[in-house]
Every structure is written in structure tokens, then in C-alpha cells.
Amino acid sequence: MNTKYNPLNHLTILVPEEYFSWCLRIKDFISESAGEDASLYLKVLDGTIGRGRRQVVGADADAIALLEKEIDKEERIKQRTLRIIRSALPNNIYTRFHQINDAFELWTQLSLVYGGDKSQQSSKVTQLLSEFKTFSQKNDETIDSAFERYSMLLTRMDAAQVSLSQHIINISFLNSIKKDWLMIVVMLKNREDLKDLPLTQVFGILKGNEQSMINDSESVAAGSLALVAKSESSDDEEGSSDEDQRKIKAFVAVNPGAKKFFKKKFNNNNSRKFNNNNTSSQSS
């Protein structure tokens, strides 16, 4: 049995719905496996290999031999690039495009069929920008899951050639996460090097402060529930202050489930005073 390692067996197979990420993986594979010739392989994909080359009239035999050697090398690279692309196609798609024997033409046709024409690509860019603008962490979502979704969105944008500065990428992610992270987000935004930090490092800082964020949230919740207990004190007392009532309202606004702790209406002390005044008036 032949057990010789074949790198082509480790290619990602094209899934039409994931065309753009597949393109990135093919380019990554070429960059990692082609060594110093990687740039030539990538030129095959964008159709620029050999472009601008001219054979000088009257060149000597050595120059002509060197040129022929260069052309021969490029042809071998074109053929290997074609094999790489074909090896990454599922059977049904391979059969559909098997008659194309030029790597650049095959790459272009795959782009037209699965990446869309220019008008479709423009529509995809618009959709991606809209997703980016409205991205936010879901109520029941962990910071890890939000980071994963955000990273995947950036990958799709990169594949569609949508360029964003690192500063915008970082700021947008910080703005998208839950308000529980506010103190850490403010700290990060005040860093002078935020515009240059990789997103993975920003995420790493958030994760490193996650327990601190949880502790702060629990402290706020405990303090707010203490105010709830205070508001439930004896009717003989005047009731909670306006400041306490304001804090309780703010707590309930972000924690709807806390309403069950309240049996009295807000500003209960005001209504109680009003009733006392009424009683006094009637008795007189």
C-alpha cells in the first residue's frame, strides 16, 4: 500500500455556500506549500503571470535560454495550480468544469458561478457592510461566541475584498458587546495603541478581565437587591429615598425579572403621604 504523503489530500473541498472562505483556504494552501514560488502561483489565479514580458530582438543565446527556462517554469506552475483547484472540487462540480484546462479560466468561471457577477458581488458587499454595522452580542450569547461570529463576518468581508482599518474593526467589536463590559471597554478605548492591536489581542484582554466583569456585575446586582429589600421595609417607615427609587428603576430596566421582588409601586412614599393628608382632612 502506498502511504506516501500527498498534500493535495488535505485541501478543503468547495462548498458553494462557503465559496469565499474556500478561496482564502486555497490561497493559504498555495502560500504554505509552494515555498518561494508562492507568488507565482497566486499570479496564476489573478491572471498576471508572465504579463509584461517581452523578448528582446537580437538577444543572445544565453538570454533566450534563460527566458525559455522561465516560461517553462511558469507553464509547470500553471499546470500544478490547475491540479490544486481541481483536487479541491467535489465530483459534481469537477464534472461540470472538467473541460477547462487553464487554471486562471477555471478560477474565473468558479468565481462567476459561485461568487456571483459584479452586480451580485456589489449586493453582497452591501449586505456584508449592513451586517457589520448592526452586529451586536446577543442577550444569551457568550463573549466567545460573539467573537467567533464577528471573526467569521470579517473573513467573509475580506474574501469579498471589503477593506477595514484595524481601528474600526476593534472599535466596532467593543461597541457591539454587552454593557456589562463597559468599564473594560472604556479602558481599552483609552489605549493609544488600540488602532494597531490585532483583534485577537483585544479579545484576549477582554477574556483576561472576564472574571472581574462577572464580579462587578454580581456586586451591582447585590446592591440593587439590597435597595429592593429596603423598599419592602415596614409601612411605618417613610420609605426609600428618591435616589434609591431611581436606582431601583434603573436596575429593573436592565433586569426585568427583578420586578417580582416589588410589591409596591415606585414613589410609594409620595402616595402614602397623600393618603395621610386625605385622612387628616376628612377627620377635621
C-alpha atoms as a PDB file:
ATOM      1  CA  MET A   1       0.000   0.000   0.000  1.00  0.00           C
ATOM      2  CA  ASN A   2       1.333   3.437  -0.923  1.00  0.00           C
ATOM      3  CA  THR A   3       1.465   5.589   2.227  1.00  0.00           C
ATOM      4  CA  LYS A   4       3.378   8.486   0.693  1.00  0.00           C
ATOM      5  CA  TYR A   5       2.126  11.856   1.968  1.00  0.00           C
ATOM      6  CA  ASN A   6       0.109  13.765  -0.605  1.00  0.00           C
ATOM      7  CA  PRO A   7      -0.622  17.409   0.366  1.00  0.00           C
ATOM      8  CA  LEU A   8      -3.495  17.541  -2.139  1.00  0.00           C
ATOM      9  CA  ASN A   9      -5.413  15.154   0.122  1.00  0.00           C
ATOM     10  CA  HIS A  10      -5.577  17.912   2.741  1.00  0.00           C
ATOM     11  CA  LEU A  11      -7.297  20.514   0.587  1.00  0.00           C
ATOM     12  CA  THR A  12     -10.621  21.982   1.657  1.00  0.00           C
ATOM     13  CA  ILE A  13     -13.348  20.815  -0.744  1.00  0.00           C
ATOM     14  CA  LEU A  14     -15.526  23.551  -2.213  1.00  0.00           C
ATOM     15  CA  VAL A  15     -18.966  24.013  -0.674  1.00  0.00           C
ATOM     16  CA  PRO A  16     -20.841  26.518  -2.894  1.00  0.00           C
ATOM     17  CA  GLU A  17     -22.366  28.363   0.091  1.00  0.00           C
ATOM     18  CA  GLU A  18     -18.856  28.868   1.506  1.00  0.00           C
ATOM     19  CA  TYR A  19     -17.158  29.890  -1.727  1.00  0.00           C
ATOM     20  CA  PHE A  20     -15.363  32.984  -0.388  1.00  0.00           C
ATOM     21  CA  SER A  21     -13.794  31.218   2.599  1.00  0.00           C
ATOM     22  CA  TRP A  22     -12.833  28.341   0.261  1.00  0.00           C
ATOM     23  CA  CYS A  23     -10.922  30.830  -1.933  1.00  0.00           C
ATOM     24  CA  LEU A  24      -8.976  32.023   1.091  1.00  0.00           C
ATOM     25  CA  ARG A  25      -8.124  28.448   2.074  1.00  0.00           C
ATOM     26  CA  ILE A  26      -6.884  27.619  -1.423  1.00  0.00           C
ATOM     27  CA  LYS A  27      -4.622  30.672  -1.357  1.00  0.00           C
ATOM     28  CA  ASP A  28      -3.393  29.729   2.121  1.00  0.00           C
ATOM     29  CA  PHE A  29      -2.646  26.210   0.913  1.00  0.00           C
ATOM     30  CA  ILE A  30      -0.650  27.559  -2.037  1.00  0.00           C
ATOM     31  CA  SER A  31       1.259  30.023   0.144  1.00  0.00           C
ATOM     32  CA  GLU A  32       2.222  27.272   2.585  1.00  0.00           C
ATOM     33  CA  SER A  33       3.042  24.525   0.083  1.00  0.00           C
ATOM     34  CA  ALA A  34       4.669  26.407  -2.806  1.00  0.00           C
ATOM     35  CA  GLY A  35       7.549  27.910  -0.856  1.00  0.00           C
ATOM     36  CA  GLU A  36       9.471  30.645  -2.648  1.00  0.00           C
ATOM     37  CA  ASP A  37       7.333  30.197  -5.771  1.00  0.00           C
ATOM     38  CA  ALA A  38       4.074  31.005  -3.923  1.00  0.00           C
ATOM     39  CA  SER A  39       3.819  34.460  -5.501  1.00  0.00           C
ATOM     40  CA  LEU A  40       3.937  32.902  -8.983  1.00  0.00           C
ATOM     41  CA  TYR A  41       1.081  30.528  -8.123  1.00  0.00           C
ATOM     42  CA  LEU A  42      -1.018  33.425  -6.863  1.00  0.00           C
ATOM     43  CA  LYS A  43      -0.270  35.316 -10.079  1.00  0.00           C
ATOM     44  CA  VAL A  44      -1.778  32.379 -11.978  1.00  0.00           C
ATOM     45  CA  LEU A  45      -5.027  32.901 -10.055  1.00  0.00           C
ATOM     46  CA  ASP A  46      -5.234  36.617 -10.846  1.00  0.00           C
ATOM     47  CA  GLY A  47      -4.087  36.146 -14.452  1.00  0.00           C
ATOM     48  CA  THR A  48      -0.918  38.235 -14.209  1.00  0.00           C
ATOM     49  CA  ILE A  49       1.778  35.572 -14.531  1.00  0.00           C
ATOM     50  CA  GLY A  50       4.070  36.342 -17.467  1.00  0.00           C
ATOM     51  CA  ARG A  51       2.322  39.671 -18.053  1.00  0.00           C
ATOM     52  CA  GLY A  52       4.564  42.371 -19.482  1.00  0.00           C
ATOM     53  CA  ARG A  53       7.339  40.013 -20.539  1.00  0.00           C
ATOM     54  CA  ARG A  54       8.949  40.881 -23.856  1.00  0.00           C
ATOM     55  CA  GLN A  55      11.533  39.023 -25.877  1.00  0.00           C
ATOM     56  CA  VAL A  56      14.202  41.476 -26.917  1.00  0.00           C
ATOM     57  CA  VAL A  57      15.037  41.313 -30.613  1.00  0.00           C
ATOM     58  CA  GLY A  58      18.636  40.342 -31.156  1.00  0.00           C
ATOM     59  CA  ALA A  59      19.072  38.856 -27.672  1.00  0.00           C
ATOM     60  CA  ASP A  60      21.976  36.465 -27.279  1.00  0.00           C
ATOM     61  CA  ALA A  61      21.591  32.719 -26.864  1.00  0.00           C
ATOM     62  CA  ASP A  62      22.027  32.857 -23.075  1.00  0.00           C
ATOM     63  CA  ALA A  63      19.244  35.422 -22.652  1.00  0.00           C
ATOM     64  CA  ILE A  64      16.905  33.418 -24.888  1.00  0.00           C
ATOM     65  CA  ALA A  65      17.709  30.211 -22.981  1.00  0.00           C
ATOM     66  CA  LEU A  66      17.005  31.967 -19.666  1.00  0.00           C
ATOM     67  CA  LEU A  67      13.689  33.269 -20.998  1.00  0.00           C
ATOM     68  CA  GLU A  68      12.662  29.831 -22.255  1.00  0.00           C
ATOM     69  CA  LYS A  69      13.536  28.351 -18.864  1.00  0.00           C
ATOM     70  CA  GLU A  70      11.378  30.981 -17.158  1.00  0.00           C
ATOM     71  CA  ILE A  71       8.425  30.295 -19.483  1.00  0.00           C
ATOM     72  CA  ASP A  72       8.775  26.564 -18.942  1.00  0.00           C
ATOM     73  CA  LYS A  73       8.709  27.040 -15.177  1.00  0.00           C
ATOM     74  CA  GLU A  74       5.590  29.194 -15.417  1.00  0.00           C
ATOM     75  CA  GLU A  75       3.836  26.563 -17.502  1.00  0.00           C
ATOM     76  CA  ARG A  76       4.602  23.902 -14.885  1.00  0.00           C
ATOM     77  CA  ILE A  77       3.240  26.193 -12.177  1.00  0.00           C
ATOM     78  CA  LYS A  78       0.073  26.795 -14.209  1.00  0.00           C
ATOM     79  CA  GLN A  79      -0.477  23.056 -14.555  1.00  0.00           C
ATOM     80  CA  ARG A  80       0.082  22.399 -10.854  1.00  0.00           C
ATOM     81  CA  THR A  81      -2.274  25.260  -9.948  1.00  0.00           C
ATOM     82  CA  LEU A  82      -4.903  23.660 -12.180  1.00  0.00           C
ATOM     83  CA  ARG A  83      -4.432  20.332 -10.361  1.00  0.00           C
ATOM     84  CA  ILE A  84      -4.748  22.052  -6.967  1.00  0.00           C
ATOM     85  CA  ILE A  85      -8.054  23.698  -7.918  1.00  0.00           C
ATOM     86  CA  ARG A  86      -9.452  20.515  -9.456  1.00  0.00           C
ATOM     87  CA  SER A  87      -8.456  18.483  -6.397  1.00  0.00           C
ATOM     88  CA  ALA A  88     -10.497  20.856  -4.209  1.00  0.00           C
ATOM     89  CA  LEU A  89     -13.720  20.385  -6.206  1.00  0.00           C
ATOM     90  CA  PRO A  90     -16.449  17.878  -5.304  1.00  0.00           C
ATOM     91  CA  ASN A  91     -17.302  15.341  -8.028  1.00  0.00           C
ATOM     92  CA  ASN A  92     -20.402  17.115  -9.324  1.00  0.00           C
ATOM     93  CA  ILE A  93     -18.609  20.453  -9.760  1.00  0.00           C
ATOM     94  CA  TYR A  94     -15.458  18.810 -11.132  1.00  0.00           C
ATOM     95  CA  THR A  95     -17.546  17.092 -13.829  1.00  0.00           C
ATOM     96  CA  ARG A  96     -19.207  20.374 -14.726  1.00  0.00           C
ATOM     97  CA  PHE A  97     -15.880  22.169 -15.314  1.00  0.00           C
ATOM     98  CA  HIS A  98     -13.598  19.307 -16.363  1.00  0.00           C
ATOM     99  CA  GLN A  99     -13.275  20.595 -19.927  1.00  0.00           C
ATOM    100  CA  ILE A 100     -11.444  23.751 -18.751  1.00  0.00           C
ATOM    101  CA  ASN A 101      -7.712  23.137 -18.933  1.00  0.00           C
ATOM    102  CA  ASP A 102      -6.434  26.562 -17.907  1.00  0.00           C
ATOM    103  CA  ALA A 103      -6.075  27.384 -14.182  1.00  0.00           C
ATOM    104  CA  PHE A 104      -6.966  31.081 -14.496  1.00  0.00           C
ATOM    105  CA  GLU A 105     -10.017  30.384 -16.650  1.00  0.00           C
ATOM    106  CA  LEU A 106     -11.236  27.710 -14.212  1.00  0.00           C
ATOM    107  CA  TRP A 107     -10.698  30.052 -11.236  1.00  0.00           C
ATOM    108  CA  THR A 108     -12.600  32.808 -13.052  1.00  0.00           C
ATOM    109  CA  GLN A 109     -15.516  30.562 -14.007  1.00  0.00           C
ATOM    110  CA  LEU A 110     -15.857  29.296 -10.439  1.00  0.00           C
ATOM    111  CA  SER A 111     -15.961  32.908  -9.268  1.00  0.00           C
ATOM    112  CA  LEU A 112     -18.703  33.794 -11.745  1.00  0.00           C
ATOM    113  CA  VAL A 113     -20.840  30.775 -10.841  1.00  0.00           C
ATOM    114  CA  TYR A 114     -20.403  30.678  -7.056  1.00  0.00           C
ATOM    115  CA  GLY A 115     -19.135  34.163  -6.240  1.00  0.00           C
ATOM    116  CA  GLY A 116     -21.606  35.986  -8.468  1.00  0.00           C
ATOM    117  CA  ASP A 117     -21.106  38.566 -11.224  1.00  0.00           C
ATOM    118  CA  LYS A 118     -20.172  42.177 -10.469  1.00  0.00           C
ATOM    119  CA  SER A 119     -23.722  43.264  -9.666  1.00  0.00           C
ATOM    120  CA  GLN A 120     -24.184  40.278  -7.331  1.00  0.00           C
ATOM    121  CA  GLN A 121     -20.825  40.940  -5.703  1.00  0.00           C
ATOM    122  CA  SER A 122     -21.862  44.561  -5.151  1.00  0.00           C
ATOM    123  CA  SER A 123     -25.038  43.350  -3.487  1.00  0.00           C
ATOM    124  CA  LYS A 124     -23.019  41.002  -1.254  1.00  0.00           C
ATOM    125  CA  VAL A 125     -20.732  43.848  -0.236  1.00  0.00           C
ATOM    126  CA  THR A 126     -23.751  45.964   0.697  1.00  0.00           C
ATOM    127  CA  GLN A 127     -25.174  43.102   2.732  1.00  0.00           C
ATOM    128  CA  LEU A 128     -21.869  42.494   4.495  1.00  0.00           C
ATOM    129  CA  LEU A 129     -21.472  46.177   5.375  1.00  0.00           C
ATOM    130  CA  SER A 130     -25.008  46.187   6.750  1.00  0.00           C
ATOM    131  CA  GLU A 131     -24.265  43.115   8.873  1.00  0.00           C
ATOM    132  CA  PHE A 132     -21.075  44.759  10.117  1.00  0.00           C
ATOM    133  CA  LYS A 133     -22.876  47.977  11.065  1.00  0.00           C
ATOM    134  CA  THR A 134     -25.636  46.205  13.010  1.00  0.00           C
ATOM    135  CA  PHE A 135     -23.523  43.453  14.600  1.00  0.00           C
ATOM    136  CA  SER A 136     -24.094  43.018  18.331  1.00  0.00           C
ATOM    137  CA  GLN A 137     -23.692  40.389  21.013  1.00  0.00           C
ATOM    138  CA  LYS A 138     -26.945  38.532  21.638  1.00  0.00           C
ATOM    139  CA  ASN A 139     -28.565  38.571  25.086  1.00  0.00           C
ATOM    140  CA  ASP A 140     -27.904  34.875  25.732  1.00  0.00           C
ATOM    141  CA  GLU A 141     -24.535  34.771  23.920  1.00  0.00           C
ATOM    142  CA  THR A 142     -21.108  34.349  25.486  1.00  0.00           C
ATOM    143  CA  ILE A 143     -18.246  36.664  24.579  1.00  0.00           C
ATOM    144  CA  ASP A 144     -16.516  33.672  22.936  1.00  0.00           C
ATOM    145  CA  SER A 145     -19.463  33.021  20.630  1.00  0.00           C
ATOM    146  CA  ALA A 146     -19.784  36.722  19.751  1.00  0.00           C
ATOM    147  CA  PHE A 147     -16.071  36.866  18.894  1.00  0.00           C
ATOM    148  CA  GLU A 148     -16.435  33.771  16.695  1.00  0.00           C
ATOM    149  CA  ARG A 149     -19.370  35.280  14.765  1.00  0.00           C
ATOM    150  CA  TYR A 150     -17.576  38.609  14.387  1.00  0.00           C
ATOM    151  CA  SER A 151     -14.393  36.925  13.132  1.00  0.00           C
ATOM    152  CA  MET A 152     -16.377  34.913  10.583  1.00  0.00           C
ATOM    153  CA  LEU A 153     -18.044  38.106   9.359  1.00  0.00           C
ATOM    154  CA  LEU A 154     -14.616  39.723   8.915  1.00  0.00           C
ATOM    155  CA  THR A 155     -13.447  36.645   6.976  1.00  0.00           C
ATOM    156  CA  ARG A 156     -16.398  36.941   4.605  1.00  0.00           C
ATOM    157  CA  MET A 157     -15.715  40.658   4.180  1.00  0.00           C
ATOM    158  CA  ASP A 158     -12.047  40.012   3.468  1.00  0.00           C
ATOM    159  CA  ALA A 159     -12.967  37.392   0.870  1.00  0.00           C
ATOM    160  CA  ALA A 160     -15.289  39.931  -0.767  1.00  0.00           C
ATOM    161  CA  GLN A 161     -12.389  42.426  -0.749  1.00  0.00           C
ATOM    162  CA  VAL A 162     -14.038  44.784   1.734  1.00  0.00           C
ATOM    163  CA  SER A 163     -11.206  46.597   3.498  1.00  0.00           C
ATOM    164  CA  LEU A 164     -11.479  47.991   7.028  1.00  0.00           C
ATOM    165  CA  SER A 165      -8.857  49.635   9.210  1.00  0.00           C
ATOM    166  CA  GLN A 166      -7.760  47.768  12.313  1.00  0.00           C
ATOM    167  CA  HIS A 167      -9.007  50.656  14.432  1.00  0.00           C
ATOM    168  CA  ILE A 168     -12.539  50.392  13.009  1.00  0.00           C
ATOM    169  CA  ILE A 169     -12.521  46.605  13.453  1.00  0.00           C
ATOM    170  CA  ASN A 170     -11.533  46.906  17.120  1.00  0.00           C
ATOM    171  CA  ILE A 171     -13.855  49.803  17.996  1.00  0.00           C
ATOM    172  CA  SER A 172     -16.841  48.170  16.306  1.00  0.00           C
ATOM    173  CA  PHE A 173     -16.336  44.950  18.243  1.00  0.00           C
ATOM    174  CA  LEU A 174     -16.035  46.806  21.549  1.00  0.00           C
ATOM    175  CA  ASN A 175     -19.218  48.744  20.776  1.00  0.00           C
ATOM    176  CA  SER A 176     -21.069  45.526  19.936  1.00  0.00           C
ATOM    177  CA  ILE A 177     -20.649  43.669  23.229  1.00  0.00           C
ATOM    178  CA  LYS A 178     -22.921  43.833  26.257  1.00  0.00           C
ATOM    179  CA  LYS A 179     -22.927  46.823  28.621  1.00  0.00           C
ATOM    180  CA  ASP A 180     -21.610  44.530  31.388  1.00  0.00           C
ATOM    181  CA  TRP A 181     -18.180  45.044  29.808  1.00  0.00           C
ATOM    182  CA  LEU A 182     -18.421  48.845  29.934  1.00  0.00           C
ATOM    183  CA  MET A 183     -15.532  49.510  32.355  1.00  0.00           C
ATOM    184  CA  ILE A 184     -13.138  47.239  30.438  1.00  0.00           C
ATOM    185  CA  VAL A 185     -14.305  48.650  27.097  1.00  0.00           C
ATOM    186  CA  VAL A 186     -13.615  52.214  28.298  1.00  0.00           C
ATOM    187  CA  MET A 187     -10.165  51.143  29.454  1.00  0.00           C
ATOM    188  CA  LEU A 188      -9.411  49.592  26.053  1.00  0.00           C
ATOM    189  CA  LYS A 189     -10.715  52.586  24.123  1.00  0.00           C
ATOM    190  CA  ASN A 190      -8.348  54.824  26.078  1.00  0.00           C
ATOM    191  CA  ARG A 191      -5.320  52.822  24.948  1.00  0.00           C
ATOM    192  CA  GLU A 192      -3.248  54.725  22.422  1.00  0.00           C
ATOM    193  CA  ASP A 193      -2.249  51.531  20.631  1.00  0.00           C
ATOM    194  CA  LEU A 194      -5.827  50.275  20.121  1.00  0.00           C
ATOM    195  CA  LYS A 195      -5.647  51.227  16.442  1.00  0.00           C
ATOM    196  CA  ASP A 196      -2.770  48.783  15.950  1.00  0.00           C
ATOM    197  CA  LEU A 197      -3.794  45.879  18.204  1.00  0.00           C
ATOM    198  CA  PRO A 198      -4.856  42.640  16.464  1.00  0.00           C
ATOM    199  CA  LEU A 199      -8.471  41.764  17.209  1.00  0.00           C
ATOM    200  CA  THR A 200      -7.312  38.518  18.835  1.00  0.00           C
ATOM    201  CA  GLN A 201      -5.318  40.551  21.358  1.00  0.00           C
ATOM    202  CA  VAL A 202      -8.320  42.786  22.113  1.00  0.00           C
ATOM    203  CA  PHE A 203     -10.385  39.651  22.698  1.00  0.00           C
ATOM    204  CA  GLY A 204      -7.613  38.227  24.879  1.00  0.00           C
ATOM    205  CA  ILE A 205      -7.708  41.317  27.101  1.00  0.00           C
ATOM    206  CA  LEU A 206     -11.487  41.001  27.442  1.00  0.00           C
ATOM    207  CA  LYS A 207     -11.197  37.315  28.369  1.00  0.00           C
ATOM    208  CA  GLY A 208      -8.446  38.114  30.866  1.00  0.00           C
ATOM    209  CA  ASN A 209     -10.831  40.511  32.644  1.00  0.00           C
ATOM    210  CA  GLU A 210     -13.939  38.343  32.348  1.00  0.00           C
ATOM    211  CA  GLN A 211     -13.981  37.230  35.979  1.00  0.00           C
ATOM    212  CA  SER A 212     -13.574  40.819  37.121  1.00  0.00           C
ATOM    213  CA  MET A 213     -16.549  41.802  34.939  1.00  0.00           C
ATOM    214  CA  ILE A 214     -18.649  38.973  36.430  1.00  0.00           C
ATOM    215  CA  ASN A 215     -17.735  40.011  39.970  1.00  0.00           C
ATOM    216  CA  ASP A 216     -18.634  43.644  39.257  1.00  0.00           C
ATOM    217  CA  SER A 217     -21.990  42.605  37.772  1.00  0.00           C
ATOM    218  CA  GLU A 218     -22.762  40.471  40.803  1.00  0.00           C
ATOM    219  CA  SER A 219     -21.864  43.363  43.129  1.00  0.00           C
ATOM    220  CA  VAL A 220     -24.193  45.704  41.247  1.00  0.00           C
ATOM    221  CA  ALA A 221     -26.984  43.128  41.355  1.00  0.00           C
ATOM    222  CA  ALA A 222     -26.465  42.540  45.101  1.00  0.00           C
ATOM    223  CA  GLY A 223     -26.538  46.273  45.797  1.00  0.00           C
ATOM    224  CA  SER A 224     -29.688  46.730  43.764  1.00  0.00           C
ATOM    225  CA  LEU A 225     -31.441  43.833  45.517  1.00  0.00           C
ATOM    226  CA  ALA A 226     -30.487  45.422  48.831  1.00  0.00           C
ATOM    227  CA  LEU A 227     -32.377  48.509  47.670  1.00  0.00           C
ATOM    228  CA  VAL A 228     -35.313  46.260  46.826  1.00  0.00           C
ATOM    229  CA  ALA A 229     -35.285  44.888  50.361  1.00  0.00           C
ATOM    230  CA  LYS A 230     -35.143  48.443  51.689  1.00  0.00           C
ATOM    231  CA  SER A 231     -38.171  49.440  49.599  1.00  0.00           C
ATOM    232  CA  GLU A 232     -40.059  46.444  51.077  1.00  0.00           C
ATOM    233  CA  SER A 233     -39.494  47.629  54.651  1.00  0.00           C
ATOM    234  CA  SER A 234     -42.270  48.352  57.149  1.00  0.00           C
ATOM    235  CA  ASP A 235     -45.143  50.674  56.184  1.00  0.00           C
ATOM    236  CA  ASP A 236     -44.390  52.616  59.362  1.00  0.00           C
ATOM    237  CA  GLU A 237     -41.196  53.915  57.778  1.00  0.00           C
ATOM    238  CA  GLU A 238     -41.271  56.790  55.313  1.00  0.00           C
ATOM    239  CA  GLY A 239     -39.995  54.553  52.525  1.00  0.00           C
ATOM    240  CA  SER A 240     -36.969  54.723  50.258  1.00  0.00           C
ATOM    241  CA  SER A 241     -35.448  57.977  49.073  1.00  0.00           C
ATOM    242  CA  ASP A 242     -35.892  59.341  45.555  1.00  0.00           C
ATOM    243  CA  GLU A 243     -32.278  58.340  44.843  1.00  0.00           C
ATOM    244  CA  ASP A 244     -32.987  54.767  45.954  1.00  0.00           C
ATOM    245  CA  GLN A 245     -36.100  54.698  43.774  1.00  0.00           C
ATOM    246  CA  ARG A 246     -34.073  55.913  40.802  1.00  0.00           C
ATOM    247  CA  LYS A 247     -31.504  53.140  41.297  1.00  0.00           C
ATOM    248  CA  ILE A 248     -34.220  50.527  41.630  1.00  0.00           C
ATOM    249  CA  LYS A 249     -35.884  51.691  38.418  1.00  0.00           C
ATOM    250  CA  ALA A 250     -32.539  51.534  36.615  1.00  0.00           C
ATOM    251  CA  PHE A 251     -31.952  48.014  37.933  1.00  0.00           C
ATOM    252  CA  VAL A 252     -35.392  46.820  36.824  1.00  0.00           C
ATOM    253  CA  ALA A 253     -34.866  48.389  33.382  1.00  0.00           C
ATOM    254  CA  VAL A 254     -31.921  46.078  32.694  1.00  0.00           C
ATOM    255  CA  ASN A 255     -33.202  43.166  34.815  1.00  0.00           C
ATOM    256  CA  PRO A 256     -36.913  42.713  34.029  1.00  0.00           C
ATOM    257  CA  GLY A 257     -37.044  39.570  36.130  1.00  0.00           C
ATOM    258  CA  ALA A 258     -36.433  41.654  39.259  1.00  0.00           C
ATOM    259  CA  LYS A 259     -39.988  43.036  39.092  1.00  0.00           C
ATOM    260  CA  LYS A 260     -41.229  40.057  41.054  1.00  0.00           C
ATOM    261  CA  PHE A 261     -39.380  41.419  44.093  1.00  0.00           C
ATOM    262  CA  PHE A 262     -41.529  44.549  44.115  1.00  0.00           C
ATOM    263  CA  LYS A 263     -44.974  44.605  45.753  1.00  0.00           C
ATOM    264  CA  LYS A 264     -45.303  48.366  45.979  1.00  0.00           C
ATOM    265  CA  LYS A 265     -45.360  50.961  43.263  1.00  0.00           C
ATOM    266  CA  PHE A 266     -42.432  53.294  42.764  1.00  0.00           C
ATOM    267  CA  ASN A 267     -42.642  56.579  44.718  1.00  0.00           C
ATOM    268  CA  ASN A 268     -44.687  54.692  47.270  1.00  0.00           C
ATOM    269  CA  ASN A 269     -43.723  57.212  49.941  1.00  0.00           C
ATOM    270  CA  ASN A 270     -45.355  60.045  47.957  1.00  0.00           C
ATOM    271  CA  SER A 271     -48.662  58.181  47.600  1.00  0.00           C
ATOM    272  CA  ARG A 272     -48.576  57.320  51.303  1.00  0.00           C
ATOM    273  CA  LYS A 273     -48.143  60.970  52.263  1.00  0.00           C
ATOM    274  CA  PHE A 274     -51.018  61.939  50.001  1.00  0.00           C
ATOM    275  CA  ASN A 275     -53.299  59.356  51.657  1.00  0.00           C
ATOM    276  CA  ASN A 276     -52.303  60.579  55.111  1.00  0.00           C
ATOM    277  CA  ASN A 277     -53.186  64.141  54.145  1.00  0.00           C
ATOM    278  CA  ASN A 278     -56.587  62.988  52.889  1.00  0.00           C
ATOM    279  CA  THR A 279     -57.286  61.182  56.156  1.00  0.00           C
ATOM    280  CA  SER A 280     -56.403  64.262  58.170  1.00  0.00           C
ATOM    281  CA  SER A 281     -58.710  66.436  56.065  1.00  0.00           C
ATOM    282  CA  GLN A 282     -61.636  64.057  56.454  1.00  0.00           C
ATOM    283  CA  SER A 283     -61.221  63.777  60.241  1.00  0.00           C
ATOM    284  CA  SER A 284     -61.246  67.545  60.599  1.00  0.00           C
END
